[in-house]
Amino acid sequence: MNLRLTPLDRRRLDAFCRNRRGFWSLWIFLALFLVTLGAELVANDRPILVRYDGATYFPLARDYPEVTFGGDFLTYADYRDPYLVAKIAEKGWALWPPIPFDYRAINYDPMVKHPSPPSRSNWLGTDDQGRDVLARLIYGLRLSICFGLALTLVSTVVGVAAGAVQGYFGGKVDLVFQRFLEIWGGLPELLILIIIASIIKPGFWTLLLVLVLFSWTNLVGVVRAEFLRARNFDYVRAARTLGMSDARIMARHVLPNAMVATVTFMPFILNSSIVSLTALDFLGLGLPPGSASLGDLLRQGKENLQAPWLGLTGFLVVATLLSLLVFVGEAVRDAFDPRKTS
């Protein structure tokens, strides 16, 4: 499949690449995202591969009983148990991830008091429950980025559709939509989240649904303005005169103009989506307890002031992630600015 770019698209791409800060921020963000997508291969309390007695085992994909590796019990193997480690070493070997902890694994070293400072076994220390901070950070980044992308995608689709209908038809449709948005925008989002959290157990999809209810309005005004401006253009009138349906006119002739503003705003919407999840987790209104999240790491830092590495790690990671997205958003905005691509 050949991807052919128009001269305008090439100018926009060149303008984006010339913004070195945004260009490198995008690559750094993608690299972080790719690393977190393979979090199980980077941080896990199970080996990636075990070779024992001439057979090959994949603990990441399947649970094996302890007797498989010469143990005494039929329960699932604990690969960090020194007894089982010695058994595997007798007749084979194990390939471990760089970080031998996942986001739930606890460091049971009796000589370590939790939260513990950075060490050789825990590169960024442990939290107050003995869990590895770096492992929770990697899994938390993946969760936050995936949640932000999902929330951005769904809210963008809903917001663009609502703004398109409102701007294209105008009149009473536009008036009713505007009054509805004014009422909807005045609802107390935090209070509604507190009520929902007290009724049902919050989770990934529950939070996504609730936040979509409030975030879809971000793009309505921009898309509405584009459709109001373009609906009376000559080519739109000609298409309507030729009998083309309203849905087809909106999708083929007007929507491409509105997508310029939409694409420009999307990095900033992703930024605010990640901030929303982080803030809810920090307040205890987000994901279930024990979930790996950036907000939980920040809350750990607030509750354990004697362990400054927790708060500093959470702050630096959140600040870096949001700064990368802001730099990417600025580069995209400049790339679509006609004054800088002409």
C-alpha atoms as a PDB file:
ATOM      1  CA  MET A   1       0.000   0.000   0.000  1.00  0.00           C
ATOM      2  CA  ASN A   2       1.514   3.291  -1.148  1.00  0.00           C
ATOM      3  CA  LEU A   3       0.984   6.221   1.166  1.00  0.00           C
ATOM      4  CA  ARG A   4       0.820   9.322  -0.971  1.00  0.00           C
ATOM      5  CA  LEU A   5       1.037  12.676   0.752  1.00  0.00           C
ATOM      6  CA  THR A   6      -0.319  15.847  -0.764  1.00  0.00           C
ATOM      7  CA  PRO A   7       2.002  18.860  -0.984  1.00  0.00           C
ATOM      8  CA  LEU A   8       0.153  20.381   1.988  1.00  0.00           C
ATOM      9  CA  ASP A   9       0.625  17.229   4.046  1.00  0.00           C
ATOM     10  CA  ARG A  10       4.328  17.190   3.225  1.00  0.00           C
ATOM     11  CA  ARG A  11       4.681  20.812   4.295  1.00  0.00           C
ATOM     12  CA  ARG A  12       2.936  20.035   7.563  1.00  0.00           C
ATOM     13  CA  LEU A  13       5.151  17.003   8.163  1.00  0.00           C
ATOM     14  CA  ASP A  14       8.253  19.056   7.424  1.00  0.00           C
ATOM     15  CA  ALA A  15       7.076  21.765   9.804  1.00  0.00           C
ATOM     16  CA  PHE A  16       6.554  19.188  12.529  1.00  0.00           C
ATOM     17  CA  CYS A  17      10.020  17.688  11.991  1.00  0.00           C
ATOM     18  CA  ARG A  18      11.619  21.136  12.081  1.00  0.00           C
ATOM     19  CA  ASN A  19      10.275  21.586  15.595  1.00  0.00           C
ATOM     20  CA  ARG A  20      13.077  19.588  17.215  1.00  0.00           C
ATOM     21  CA  ARG A  21      11.589  19.723  20.675  1.00  0.00           C
ATOM     22  CA  GLY A  22       8.255  18.290  19.573  1.00  0.00           C
ATOM     23  CA  PHE A  23       9.874  15.814  17.166  1.00  0.00           C
ATOM     24  CA  TRP A  24      12.145  14.259  19.797  1.00  0.00           C
ATOM     25  CA  SER A  25       9.420  14.415  22.431  1.00  0.00           C
ATOM     26  CA  LEU A  26       7.239  12.251  20.188  1.00  0.00           C
ATOM     27  CA  TRP A  27      10.001   9.652  19.782  1.00  0.00           C
ATOM     28  CA  ILE A  28      10.746   9.609  23.509  1.00  0.00           C
ATOM     29  CA  PHE A  29       7.042   9.188  24.291  1.00  0.00           C
ATOM     30  CA  LEU A  30       6.699   6.349  21.766  1.00  0.00           C
ATOM     31  CA  ALA A  31       9.797   4.637  23.181  1.00  0.00           C
ATOM     32  CA  LEU A  32       8.395   4.840  26.721  1.00  0.00           C
ATOM     33  CA  PHE A  33       5.048   3.527  25.524  1.00  0.00           C
ATOM     34  CA  LEU A  34       6.626   0.586  23.690  1.00  0.00           C
ATOM     35  CA  VAL A  35       8.656  -0.343  26.773  1.00  0.00           C
ATOM     36  CA  THR A  36       5.572  -0.248  28.974  1.00  0.00           C
ATOM     37  CA  LEU A  37       3.571  -2.331  26.483  1.00  0.00           C
ATOM     38  CA  GLY A  38       6.039  -5.128  27.138  1.00  0.00           C
ATOM     39  CA  ALA A  39       5.995  -4.563  30.896  1.00  0.00           C
ATOM     40  CA  GLU A  40       5.741  -8.298  31.618  1.00  0.00           C
ATOM     41  CA  LEU A  41       9.051  -8.813  29.811  1.00  0.00           C
ATOM     42  CA  VAL A  42      10.741  -5.999  31.733  1.00  0.00           C
ATOM     43  CA  ALA A  43       9.387  -6.362  35.264  1.00  0.00           C
ATOM     44  CA  ASN A  44       7.988  -9.672  36.489  1.00  0.00           C
ATOM     45  CA  ASP A  45       8.319 -12.062  39.401  1.00  0.00           C
ATOM     46  CA  ARG A  46       8.332 -14.990  36.950  1.00  0.00           C
ATOM     47  CA  PRO A  47      11.114 -16.003  34.576  1.00  0.00           C
ATOM     48  CA  ILE A  48      10.625 -15.370  30.893  1.00  0.00           C
ATOM     49  CA  LEU A  49      11.967 -18.812  30.044  1.00  0.00           C
ATOM     50  CA  VAL A  50      12.899 -21.875  32.078  1.00  0.00           C
ATOM     51  CA  ARG A  51      15.002 -24.727  30.743  1.00  0.00           C
ATOM     52  CA  TYR A  52      14.727 -27.724  33.056  1.00  0.00           C
ATOM     53  CA  ASP A  53      15.692 -31.352  32.559  1.00  0.00           C
ATOM     54  CA  GLY A  54      15.798 -30.989  28.767  1.00  0.00           C
ATOM     55  CA  ALA A  55      12.356 -29.345  28.525  1.00  0.00           C
ATOM     56  CA  THR A  56      11.469 -25.701  27.901  1.00  0.00           C
ATOM     57  CA  TYR A  57       8.833 -23.858  29.927  1.00  0.00           C
ATOM     58  CA  PHE A  58       7.275 -20.413  29.562  1.00  0.00           C
ATOM     59  CA  PRO A  59       6.059 -19.253  32.999  1.00  0.00           C
ATOM     60  CA  LEU A  60       4.780 -15.947  31.608  1.00  0.00           C
ATOM     61  CA  ALA A  61       2.248 -17.753  29.443  1.00  0.00           C
ATOM     62  CA  ARG A  62       1.282 -20.651  31.699  1.00  0.00           C
ATOM     63  CA  ASP A  63       1.197 -21.675  35.367  1.00  0.00           C
ATOM     64  CA  TYR A  64       3.230 -24.742  36.282  1.00  0.00           C
ATOM     65  CA  PRO A  65       3.025 -26.747  39.533  1.00  0.00           C
ATOM     66  CA  GLU A  66       6.061 -26.868  41.749  1.00  0.00           C
ATOM     67  CA  VAL A  67       6.574 -30.596  41.105  1.00  0.00           C
ATOM     68  CA  THR A  68       7.376 -29.791  37.471  1.00  0.00           C
ATOM     69  CA  PHE A  69      10.717 -28.407  38.625  1.00  0.00           C
ATOM     70  CA  GLY A  70      11.479 -31.024  41.284  1.00  0.00           C
ATOM     71  CA  GLY A  71       9.464 -29.463  44.103  1.00  0.00           C
ATOM     72  CA  ASP A  72       7.249 -31.202  46.610  1.00  0.00           C
ATOM     73  CA  PHE A  73       3.831 -29.598  46.126  1.00  0.00           C
ATOM     74  CA  LEU A  74       1.178 -29.478  43.424  1.00  0.00           C
ATOM     75  CA  THR A  75       0.573 -25.764  44.004  1.00  0.00           C
ATOM     76  CA  TYR A  76       1.745 -23.216  41.456  1.00  0.00           C
ATOM     77  CA  ALA A  77       5.473 -22.602  41.510  1.00  0.00           C
ATOM     78  CA  ASP A  78       6.901 -19.617  43.360  1.00  0.00           C
ATOM     79  CA  TYR A  79       9.945 -18.875  41.229  1.00  0.00           C
ATOM     80  CA  ARG A  80      11.455 -16.549  43.813  1.00  0.00           C
ATOM     81  CA  ASP A  81      11.511 -19.264  46.482  1.00  0.00           C
ATOM     82  CA  PRO A  82      15.211 -20.059  47.169  1.00  0.00           C
ATOM     83  CA  TYR A  83      14.368 -23.766  47.390  1.00  0.00           C
ATOM     84  CA  LEU A  84      12.808 -23.803  43.913  1.00  0.00           C
ATOM     85  CA  VAL A  85      15.559 -21.580  42.516  1.00  0.00           C
ATOM     86  CA  ALA A  86      18.115 -24.159  43.652  1.00  0.00           C
ATOM     87  CA  LYS A  87      16.068 -27.007  42.166  1.00  0.00           C
ATOM     88  CA  ILE A  88      15.919 -25.309  38.772  1.00  0.00           C
ATOM     89  CA  ALA A  89      19.651 -24.553  38.885  1.00  0.00           C
ATOM     90  CA  GLU A  90      20.420 -28.257  39.461  1.00  0.00           C
ATOM     91  CA  LYS A  91      19.078 -29.374  36.080  1.00  0.00           C
ATOM     92  CA  GLY A  92      18.718 -26.215  34.057  1.00  0.00           C
ATOM     93  CA  TRP A  93      18.524 -22.451  34.104  1.00  0.00           C
ATOM     94  CA  ALA A  94      16.026 -19.589  34.111  1.00  0.00           C
ATOM     95  CA  LEU A  95      15.982 -16.367  32.073  1.00  0.00           C
ATOM     96  CA  TRP A  96      14.692 -13.532  34.264  1.00  0.00           C
ATOM     97  CA  PRO A  97      13.470 -10.052  33.305  1.00  0.00           C
ATOM     98  CA  PRO A  98      15.765  -7.146  34.237  1.00  0.00           C
ATOM     99  CA  ILE A  99      13.466  -6.343  37.186  1.00  0.00           C
ATOM    100  CA  PRO A 100      12.465  -9.516  39.113  1.00  0.00           C
ATOM    101  CA  PHE A 101       9.281  -7.954  40.496  1.00  0.00           C
ATOM    102  CA  ASP A 102       5.886  -7.148  39.067  1.00  0.00           C
ATOM    103  CA  TYR A 103       3.591  -4.423  40.394  1.00  0.00           C
ATOM    104  CA  ARG A 104       2.115  -6.758  43.061  1.00  0.00           C
ATOM    105  CA  ALA A 105       5.285  -8.597  44.149  1.00  0.00           C
ATOM    106  CA  ILE A 106       6.571  -7.822  47.634  1.00  0.00           C
ATOM    107  CA  ASN A 107      10.182  -7.847  48.737  1.00  0.00           C
ATOM    108  CA  TYR A 108      10.141 -10.162  51.769  1.00  0.00           C
ATOM    109  CA  ASP A 109      13.756  -9.529  52.728  1.00  0.00           C
ATOM    110  CA  PRO A 110      13.626  -9.421  56.581  1.00  0.00           C
ATOM    111  CA  MET A 111      16.598  -7.049  56.666  1.00  0.00           C
ATOM    112  CA  VAL A 112      14.731  -4.379  54.708  1.00  0.00           C
ATOM    113  CA  LYS A 113      12.305  -1.965  56.350  1.00  0.00           C
ATOM    114  CA  HIS A 114       9.600  -0.635  54.066  1.00  0.00           C
ATOM    115  CA  PRO A 115       9.439   1.829  52.467  1.00  0.00           C
ATOM    116  CA  SER A 116      13.064   1.166  51.614  1.00  0.00           C
ATOM    117  CA  PRO A 117      15.426   3.484  49.690  1.00  0.00           C
ATOM    118  CA  PRO A 118      16.831   2.622  46.266  1.00  0.00           C
ATOM    119  CA  SER A 119      19.108  -0.401  46.308  1.00  0.00           C
ATOM    120  CA  ARG A 120      20.539  -3.068  43.999  1.00  0.00           C
ATOM    121  CA  SER A 121      17.454  -5.246  44.337  1.00  0.00           C
ATOM    122  CA  ASN A 122      14.953  -2.359  44.150  1.00  0.00           C
ATOM    123  CA  TRP A 123      16.386   0.312  41.874  1.00  0.00           C
ATOM    124  CA  LEU A 124      13.876   2.998  42.932  1.00  0.00           C
ATOM    125  CA  GLY A 125      13.158   1.566  46.371  1.00  0.00           C
ATOM    126  CA  THR A 126       9.912   0.101  47.677  1.00  0.00           C
ATOM    127  CA  ASP A 127       6.650   1.592  48.878  1.00  0.00           C
ATOM    128  CA  ASP A 128       5.164   1.143  52.335  1.00  0.00           C
ATOM    129  CA  GLN A 129       3.882  -2.321  51.398  1.00  0.00           C
ATOM    130  CA  GLY A 130       7.233  -3.570  50.118  1.00  0.00           C
ATOM    131  CA  ARG A 131       6.335  -3.407  46.424  1.00  0.00           C
ATOM    132  CA  ASP A 132       8.987  -2.400  43.897  1.00  0.00           C
ATOM    133  CA  VAL A 133       8.513   1.234  42.869  1.00  0.00           C
ATOM    134  CA  LEU A 134      10.092   0.867  39.419  1.00  0.00           C
ATOM    135  CA  ALA A 135       7.885  -2.116  38.543  1.00  0.00           C
ATOM    136  CA  ARG A 136       4.762  -0.265  39.662  1.00  0.00           C
ATOM    137  CA  LEU A 137       5.945   2.756  37.721  1.00  0.00           C
ATOM    138  CA  ILE A 138       6.288   0.782  34.476  1.00  0.00           C
ATOM    139  CA  TYR A 139       2.891  -0.874  34.839  1.00  0.00           C
ATOM    140  CA  GLY A 140       1.330   2.397  35.972  1.00  0.00           C
ATOM    141  CA  LEU A 141       2.650   4.225  32.916  1.00  0.00           C
ATOM    142  CA  ARG A 142       1.141   1.618  30.632  1.00  0.00           C
ATOM    143  CA  LEU A 143      -2.199   1.826  32.379  1.00  0.00           C
ATOM    144  CA  SER A 144      -2.257   5.626  32.370  1.00  0.00           C
ATOM    145  CA  ILE A 145      -1.262   5.941  28.696  1.00  0.00           C
ATOM    146  CA  CYS A 146      -3.714   3.254  27.528  1.00  0.00           C
ATOM    147  CA  PHE A 147      -6.497   4.837  29.587  1.00  0.00           C
ATOM    148  CA  GLY A 148      -5.660   8.262  28.203  1.00  0.00           C
ATOM    149  CA  LEU A 149      -5.610   7.014  24.617  1.00  0.00           C
ATOM    150  CA  ALA A 150      -8.927   5.208  25.041  1.00  0.00           C
ATOM    151  CA  LEU A 151     -10.558   8.222  26.682  1.00  0.00           C
ATOM    152  CA  THR A 152      -9.169  10.558  24.005  1.00  0.00           C
ATOM    153  CA  LEU A 153     -10.386   8.344  21.161  1.00  0.00           C
ATOM    154  CA  VAL A 154     -13.907   7.828  22.510  1.00  0.00           C
ATOM    155  CA  SER A 155     -14.424  11.422  23.611  1.00  0.00           C
ATOM    156  CA  THR A 156     -13.089  12.693  20.277  1.00  0.00           C
ATOM    157  CA  VAL A 157     -15.473  10.517  18.276  1.00  0.00           C
ATOM    158  CA  VAL A 158     -18.464  11.570  20.379  1.00  0.00           C
ATOM    159  CA  GLY A 159     -17.447  15.227  20.479  1.00  0.00           C
ATOM    160  CA  VAL A 160     -16.821  15.462  16.737  1.00  0.00           C
ATOM    161  CA  ALA A 161     -20.150  13.786  15.956  1.00  0.00           C
ATOM    162  CA  ALA A 162     -22.049  16.108  18.308  1.00  0.00           C
ATOM    163  CA  GLY A 163     -20.295  19.224  17.031  1.00  0.00           C
ATOM    164  CA  ALA A 164     -20.859  18.169  13.411  1.00  0.00           C
ATOM    165  CA  VAL A 165     -24.602  17.719  13.870  1.00  0.00           C
ATOM    166  CA  GLN A 166     -24.892  20.942  15.822  1.00  0.00           C
ATOM    167  CA  GLY A 167     -22.937  23.051  13.348  1.00  0.00           C
ATOM    168  CA  TYR A 168     -24.230  21.547  10.115  1.00  0.00           C
ATOM    169  CA  PHE A 169     -27.945  21.785  10.838  1.00  0.00           C
ATOM    170  CA  GLY A 170     -27.837  24.951  12.947  1.00  0.00           C
ATOM    171  CA  GLY A 171     -31.119  26.631  13.864  1.00  0.00           C
ATOM    172  CA  LYS A 172     -33.173  24.937  16.571  1.00  0.00           C
ATOM    173  CA  VAL A 173     -30.813  21.946  16.654  1.00  0.00           C
ATOM    174  CA  ASP A 174     -27.907  24.237  17.438  1.00  0.00           C
ATOM    175  CA  LEU A 175     -29.922  26.180  20.012  1.00  0.00           C
ATOM    176  CA  VAL A 176     -31.077  23.063  21.879  1.00  0.00           C
ATOM    177  CA  PHE A 177     -27.568  21.594  21.860  1.00  0.00           C
ATOM    178  CA  GLN A 178     -26.081  24.825  23.207  1.00  0.00           C
ATOM    179  CA  ARG A 179     -28.537  24.975  26.107  1.00  0.00           C
ATOM    180  CA  PHE A 180     -27.853  21.299  26.868  1.00  0.00           C
ATOM    181  CA  LEU A 181     -24.089  21.887  26.875  1.00  0.00           C
ATOM    182  CA  GLU A 182     -24.482  24.796  29.260  1.00  0.00           C
ATOM    183  CA  ILE A 183     -26.446  22.636  31.689  1.00  0.00           C
ATOM    184  CA  TRP A 184     -24.172  19.615  31.268  1.00  0.00           C
ATOM    185  CA  GLY A 185     -21.043  21.682  31.751  1.00  0.00           C
ATOM    186  CA  GLY A 186     -22.352  22.984  35.066  1.00  0.00           C
ATOM    187  CA  LEU A 187     -22.680  19.540  36.645  1.00  0.00           C
ATOM    188  CA  PRO A 188     -20.196  18.860  39.479  1.00  0.00           C
ATOM    189  CA  GLU A 189     -17.973  16.151  37.986  1.00  0.00           C
ATOM    190  CA  LEU A 190     -16.124  15.332  41.199  1.00  0.00           C
ATOM    191  CA  LEU A 191     -19.325  15.002  43.206  1.00  0.00           C
ATOM    192  CA  ILE A 192     -20.794  12.629  40.626  1.00  0.00           C
ATOM    193  CA  LEU A 193     -17.626  10.529  40.717  1.00  0.00           C
ATOM    194  CA  ILE A 194     -17.833  10.317  44.506  1.00  0.00           C
ATOM    195  CA  ILE A 195     -21.457   9.168  44.287  1.00  0.00           C
ATOM    196  CA  ILE A 196     -20.646   6.553  41.645  1.00  0.00           C
ATOM    197  CA  ALA A 197     -17.648   5.300  43.642  1.00  0.00           C
ATOM    198  CA  SER A 198     -19.893   4.813  46.665  1.00  0.00           C
ATOM    199  CA  ILE A 199     -22.446   2.811  44.657  1.00  0.00           C
ATOM    200  CA  ILE A 200     -20.314   0.611  42.424  1.00  0.00           C
ATOM    201  CA  LYS A 201     -16.742  -0.598  42.541  1.00  0.00           C
ATOM    202  CA  PRO A 202     -14.700   1.688  40.257  1.00  0.00           C
ATOM    203  CA  GLY A 203     -12.599   0.045  37.575  1.00  0.00           C
ATOM    204  CA  PHE A 204     -10.938   0.799  34.255  1.00  0.00           C
ATOM    205  CA  TRP A 205     -14.106   0.654  32.143  1.00  0.00           C
ATOM    206  CA  THR A 206     -16.286   2.296  34.775  1.00  0.00           C
ATOM    207  CA  LEU A 207     -13.950   5.267  35.053  1.00  0.00           C
ATOM    208  CA  LEU A 208     -13.651   5.444  31.282  1.00  0.00           C
ATOM    209  CA  LEU A 209     -17.421   5.609  30.876  1.00  0.00           C
ATOM    210  CA  VAL A 210     -17.835   8.245  33.581  1.00  0.00           C
ATOM    211  CA  LEU A 211     -15.042  10.472  32.288  1.00  0.00           C
ATOM    212  CA  VAL A 212     -16.323  10.195  28.718  1.00  0.00           C
ATOM    213  CA  LEU A 213     -19.603  11.683  29.930  1.00  0.00           C
ATOM    214  CA  PHE A 214     -17.751  14.893  30.788  1.00  0.00           C
ATOM    215  CA  SER A 215     -14.787  14.977  28.375  1.00  0.00           C
ATOM    216  CA  TRP A 216     -16.674  14.687  25.076  1.00  0.00           C
ATOM    217  CA  THR A 217     -17.596  18.388  25.236  1.00  0.00           C
ATOM    218  CA  ASN A 218     -13.963  19.494  24.744  1.00  0.00           C
ATOM    219  CA  LEU A 219     -14.136  19.429  20.950  1.00  0.00           C
ATOM    220  CA  VAL A 220     -17.778  20.303  20.376  1.00  0.00           C
ATOM    221  CA  GLY A 221     -17.216  24.048  20.186  1.00  0.00           C
ATOM    222  CA  VAL A 222     -14.309  23.807  17.741  1.00  0.00           C
ATOM    223  CA  VAL A 223     -16.026  21.329  15.426  1.00  0.00           C
ATOM    224  CA  ARG A 224     -19.295  23.258  15.591  1.00  0.00           C
ATOM    225  CA  ALA A 225     -17.546  26.447  14.491  1.00  0.00           C
ATOM    226  CA  GLU A 226     -15.909  24.677  11.540  1.00  0.00           C
ATOM    227  CA  PHE A 227     -19.209  23.181  10.373  1.00  0.00           C
ATOM    228  CA  LEU A 228     -21.046  26.487  10.790  1.00  0.00           C
ATOM    229  CA  ARG A 229     -18.396  28.145   8.625  1.00  0.00           C
ATOM    230  CA  ALA A 230     -18.238  25.447   5.940  1.00  0.00           C
ATOM    231  CA  ARG A 231     -21.895  24.496   5.552  1.00  0.00           C
ATOM    232  CA  ASN A 232     -22.605  27.472   3.267  1.00  0.00           C
ATOM    233  CA  PHE A 233     -19.548  27.033   1.041  1.00  0.00           C
ATOM    234  CA  ASP A 234     -20.279  26.713  -2.673  1.00  0.00           C
ATOM    235  CA  TYR A 235     -19.114  23.092  -2.963  1.00  0.00           C
ATOM    236  CA  VAL A 236     -21.372  22.093  -0.046  1.00  0.00           C
ATOM    237  CA  ARG A 237     -24.343  23.827  -1.651  1.00  0.00           C
ATOM    238  CA  ALA A 238     -23.546  22.163  -4.964  1.00  0.00           C
ATOM    239  CA  ALA A 239     -23.403  18.739  -3.346  1.00  0.00           C
ATOM    240  CA  ARG A 240     -26.723  19.380  -1.633  1.00  0.00           C
ATOM    241  CA  THR A 241     -28.259  20.507  -4.935  1.00  0.00           C
ATOM    242  CA  LEU A 242     -27.062  17.313  -6.639  1.00  0.00           C
ATOM    243  CA  GLY A 243     -29.016  15.274  -4.092  1.00  0.00           C
ATOM    244  CA  MET A 244     -26.165  14.074  -1.915  1.00  0.00           C
ATOM    245  CA  SER A 245     -27.335  13.067   1.544  1.00  0.00           C
ATOM    246  CA  ASP A 246     -26.506  15.200   4.575  1.00  0.00           C
ATOM    247  CA  ALA A 247     -24.497  12.408   6.190  1.00  0.00           C
ATOM    248  CA  ARG A 248     -22.327  12.014   3.089  1.00  0.00           C
ATOM    249  CA  ILE A 249     -21.789  15.766   2.761  1.00  0.00           C
ATOM    250  CA  MET A 250     -20.772  15.994   6.395  1.00  0.00           C
ATOM    251  CA  ALA A 251     -18.372  13.041   6.158  1.00  0.00           C
ATOM    252  CA  ARG A 252     -16.748  13.739   2.776  1.00  0.00           C
ATOM    253  CA  HIS A 253     -16.822  17.519   2.334  1.00  0.00           C
ATOM    254  CA  VAL A 254     -17.024  19.239   5.718  1.00  0.00           C
ATOM    255  CA  LEU A 255     -15.419  16.855   8.223  1.00  0.00           C
ATOM    256  CA  PRO A 256     -11.900  17.035   6.668  1.00  0.00           C
ATOM    257  CA  ASN A 257     -11.840  20.773   7.404  1.00  0.00           C
ATOM    258  CA  ALA A 258     -12.889  20.185  11.014  1.00  0.00           C
ATOM    259  CA  MET A 259     -10.311  17.426  11.516  1.00  0.00           C
ATOM    260  CA  VAL A 260      -7.476  19.967  11.292  1.00  0.00           C
ATOM    261  CA  ALA A 261      -8.574  21.575  14.558  1.00  0.00           C
ATOM    262  CA  THR A 262      -9.385  18.161  16.037  1.00  0.00           C
ATOM    263  CA  VAL A 263      -5.915  16.732  15.386  1.00  0.00           C
ATOM    264  CA  THR A 264      -4.368  19.888  16.815  1.00  0.00           C
ATOM    265  CA  PHE A 265      -6.224  19.493  20.093  1.00  0.00           C
ATOM    266  CA  MET A 266      -5.823  15.726  20.519  1.00  0.00           C
ATOM    267  CA  PRO A 267      -2.382  15.734  22.256  1.00  0.00           C
ATOM    268  CA  PHE A 268      -3.726  18.193  24.820  1.00  0.00           C
ATOM    269  CA  ILE A 269      -6.855  16.067  25.337  1.00  0.00           C
ATOM    270  CA  LEU A 270      -4.609  13.043  25.920  1.00  0.00           C
ATOM    271  CA  ASN A 271      -2.679  15.112  28.437  1.00  0.00           C
ATOM    272  CA  SER A 272      -5.818  16.065  30.361  1.00  0.00           C
ATOM    273  CA  SER A 273      -7.074  12.457  30.248  1.00  0.00           C
ATOM    274  CA  ILE A 274      -3.924  11.182  31.959  1.00  0.00           C
ATOM    275  CA  VAL A 275      -4.159  14.002  34.506  1.00  0.00           C
ATOM    276  CA  SER A 276      -7.780  13.073  35.266  1.00  0.00           C
ATOM    277  CA  LEU A 277      -6.943   9.433  36.014  1.00  0.00           C
ATOM    278  CA  THR A 278      -3.882  10.424  38.058  1.00  0.00           C
ATOM    279  CA  ALA A 279      -5.914  12.905  40.125  1.00  0.00           C
ATOM    280  CA  LEU A 280      -8.695  10.395  40.795  1.00  0.00           C
ATOM    281  CA  ASP A 281      -6.202   7.728  41.888  1.00  0.00           C
ATOM    282  CA  PHE A 282      -4.465  10.257  44.125  1.00  0.00           C
ATOM    283  CA  LEU A 283      -7.791  11.074  45.802  1.00  0.00           C
ATOM    284  CA  GLY A 284      -8.709   7.390  46.166  1.00  0.00           C
ATOM    285  CA  LEU A 285     -11.622   7.651  43.721  1.00  0.00           C
ATOM    286  CA  GLY A 286      -9.971   5.890  40.810  1.00  0.00           C
ATOM    287  CA  LEU A 287      -8.838   2.341  40.208  1.00  0.00           C
ATOM    288  CA  PRO A 288      -9.253  -0.393  42.858  1.00  0.00           C
ATOM    289  CA  PRO A 289      -6.683  -0.482  45.684  1.00  0.00           C
ATOM    290  CA  GLY A 290      -3.483  -2.251  44.693  1.00  0.00           C
ATOM    291  CA  SER A 291      -3.660  -1.211  41.041  1.00  0.00           C
ATOM    292  CA  ALA A 292      -0.472   0.197  39.578  1.00  0.00           C
ATOM    293  CA  SER A 293      -1.030   3.859  38.778  1.00  0.00           C
ATOM    294  CA  LEU A 294       0.810   7.157  38.831  1.00  0.00           C
ATOM    295  CA  GLY A 295      -1.754   8.650  41.198  1.00  0.00           C
ATOM    296  CA  ASP A 296      -1.191   5.860  43.716  1.00  0.00           C
ATOM    297  CA  LEU A 297       2.561   6.526  43.600  1.00  0.00           C
ATOM    298  CA  LEU A 298       1.975  10.222  44.303  1.00  0.00           C
ATOM    299  CA  ARG A 299      -0.336   9.344  47.179  1.00  0.00           C
ATOM    300  CA  GLN A 300       2.344   7.030  48.579  1.00  0.00           C
ATOM    301  CA  GLY A 301       4.751   9.972  48.517  1.00  0.00           C
ATOM    302  CA  LYS A 302       2.272  12.187  50.366  1.00  0.00           C
ATOM    303  CA  GLU A 303       1.648   9.585  53.052  1.00  0.00           C
ATOM    304  CA  ASN A 304       5.346   8.716  53.512  1.00  0.00           C
ATOM    305  CA  LEU A 305       7.204  12.011  53.768  1.00  0.00           C
ATOM    306  CA  GLN A 306      10.094  10.167  55.405  1.00  0.00           C
ATOM    307  CA  ALA A 307      10.640   8.410  52.053  1.00  0.00           C
ATOM    308  CA  PRO A 308      11.254  11.336  49.654  1.00  0.00           C
ATOM    309  CA  TRP A 309      12.150   9.025  46.766  1.00  0.00           C
ATOM    310  CA  LEU A 310       8.482   8.089  46.402  1.00  0.00           C
ATOM    311  CA  GLY A 311       7.215  11.622  45.937  1.00  0.00           C
ATOM    312  CA  LEU A 312      10.167  12.699  43.806  1.00  0.00           C
ATOM    313  CA  THR A 313       9.827   9.681  41.512  1.00  0.00           C
ATOM    314  CA  GLY A 314       6.106  10.234  41.019  1.00  0.00           C
ATOM    315  CA  PHE A 315       6.518  13.961  40.435  1.00  0.00           C
ATOM    316  CA  LEU A 316       9.369  13.595  37.931  1.00  0.00           C
ATOM    317  CA  VAL A 317       7.602  10.869  35.948  1.00  0.00           C
ATOM    318  CA  VAL A 318       4.268  12.711  35.749  1.00  0.00           C
ATOM    319  CA  ALA A 319       5.950  16.025  34.938  1.00  0.00           C
ATOM    320  CA  THR A 320       8.102  14.420  32.225  1.00  0.00           C
ATOM    321  CA  LEU A 321       5.190  12.566  30.643  1.00  0.00           C
ATOM    322  CA  LEU A 322       2.930  15.617  30.555  1.00  0.00           C
ATOM    323  CA  SER A 323       5.756  17.836  29.273  1.00  0.00           C
ATOM    324  CA  LEU A 324       6.417  15.432  26.389  1.00  0.00           C
ATOM    325  CA  LEU A 325       2.751  15.510  25.394  1.00  0.00           C
ATOM    326  CA  VAL A 326       2.626  19.311  25.623  1.00  0.00           C
ATOM    327  CA  PHE A 327       5.704  19.624  23.402  1.00  0.00           C
ATOM    328  CA  VAL A 328       4.168  17.220  20.872  1.00  0.00           C
ATOM    329  CA  GLY A 329       0.915  19.175  20.958  1.00  0.00           C
ATOM    330  CA  GLU A 330       2.723  22.453  20.337  1.00  0.00           C
ATOM    331  CA  ALA A 331       4.584  20.931  17.391  1.00  0.00           C
ATOM    332  CA  VAL A 332       1.346  19.584  15.882  1.00  0.00           C
ATOM    333  CA  ARG A 333      -0.346  22.955  16.380  1.00  0.00           C
ATOM    334  CA  ASP A 334       2.503  24.754  14.620  1.00  0.00           C
ATOM    335  CA  ALA A 335       2.510  22.167  11.817  1.00  0.00           C
ATOM    336  CA  PHE A 336      -1.162  22.880  11.063  1.00  0.00           C
ATOM    337  CA  ASP A 337      -0.717  26.647  11.328  1.00  0.00           C
ATOM    338  CA  PRO A 338      -1.046  27.990   7.740  1.00  0.00           C
ATOM    339  CA  ARG A 339       1.271  30.893   8.575  1.00  0.00           C
ATOM    340  CA  LYS A 340       4.117  28.450   9.246  1.00  0.00           C
ATOM    341  CA  THR A 341       3.467  25.954   6.416  1.00  0.00           C
ATOM    342  CA  SER A 342       2.920  28.403   3.582  1.00  0.00           C
END
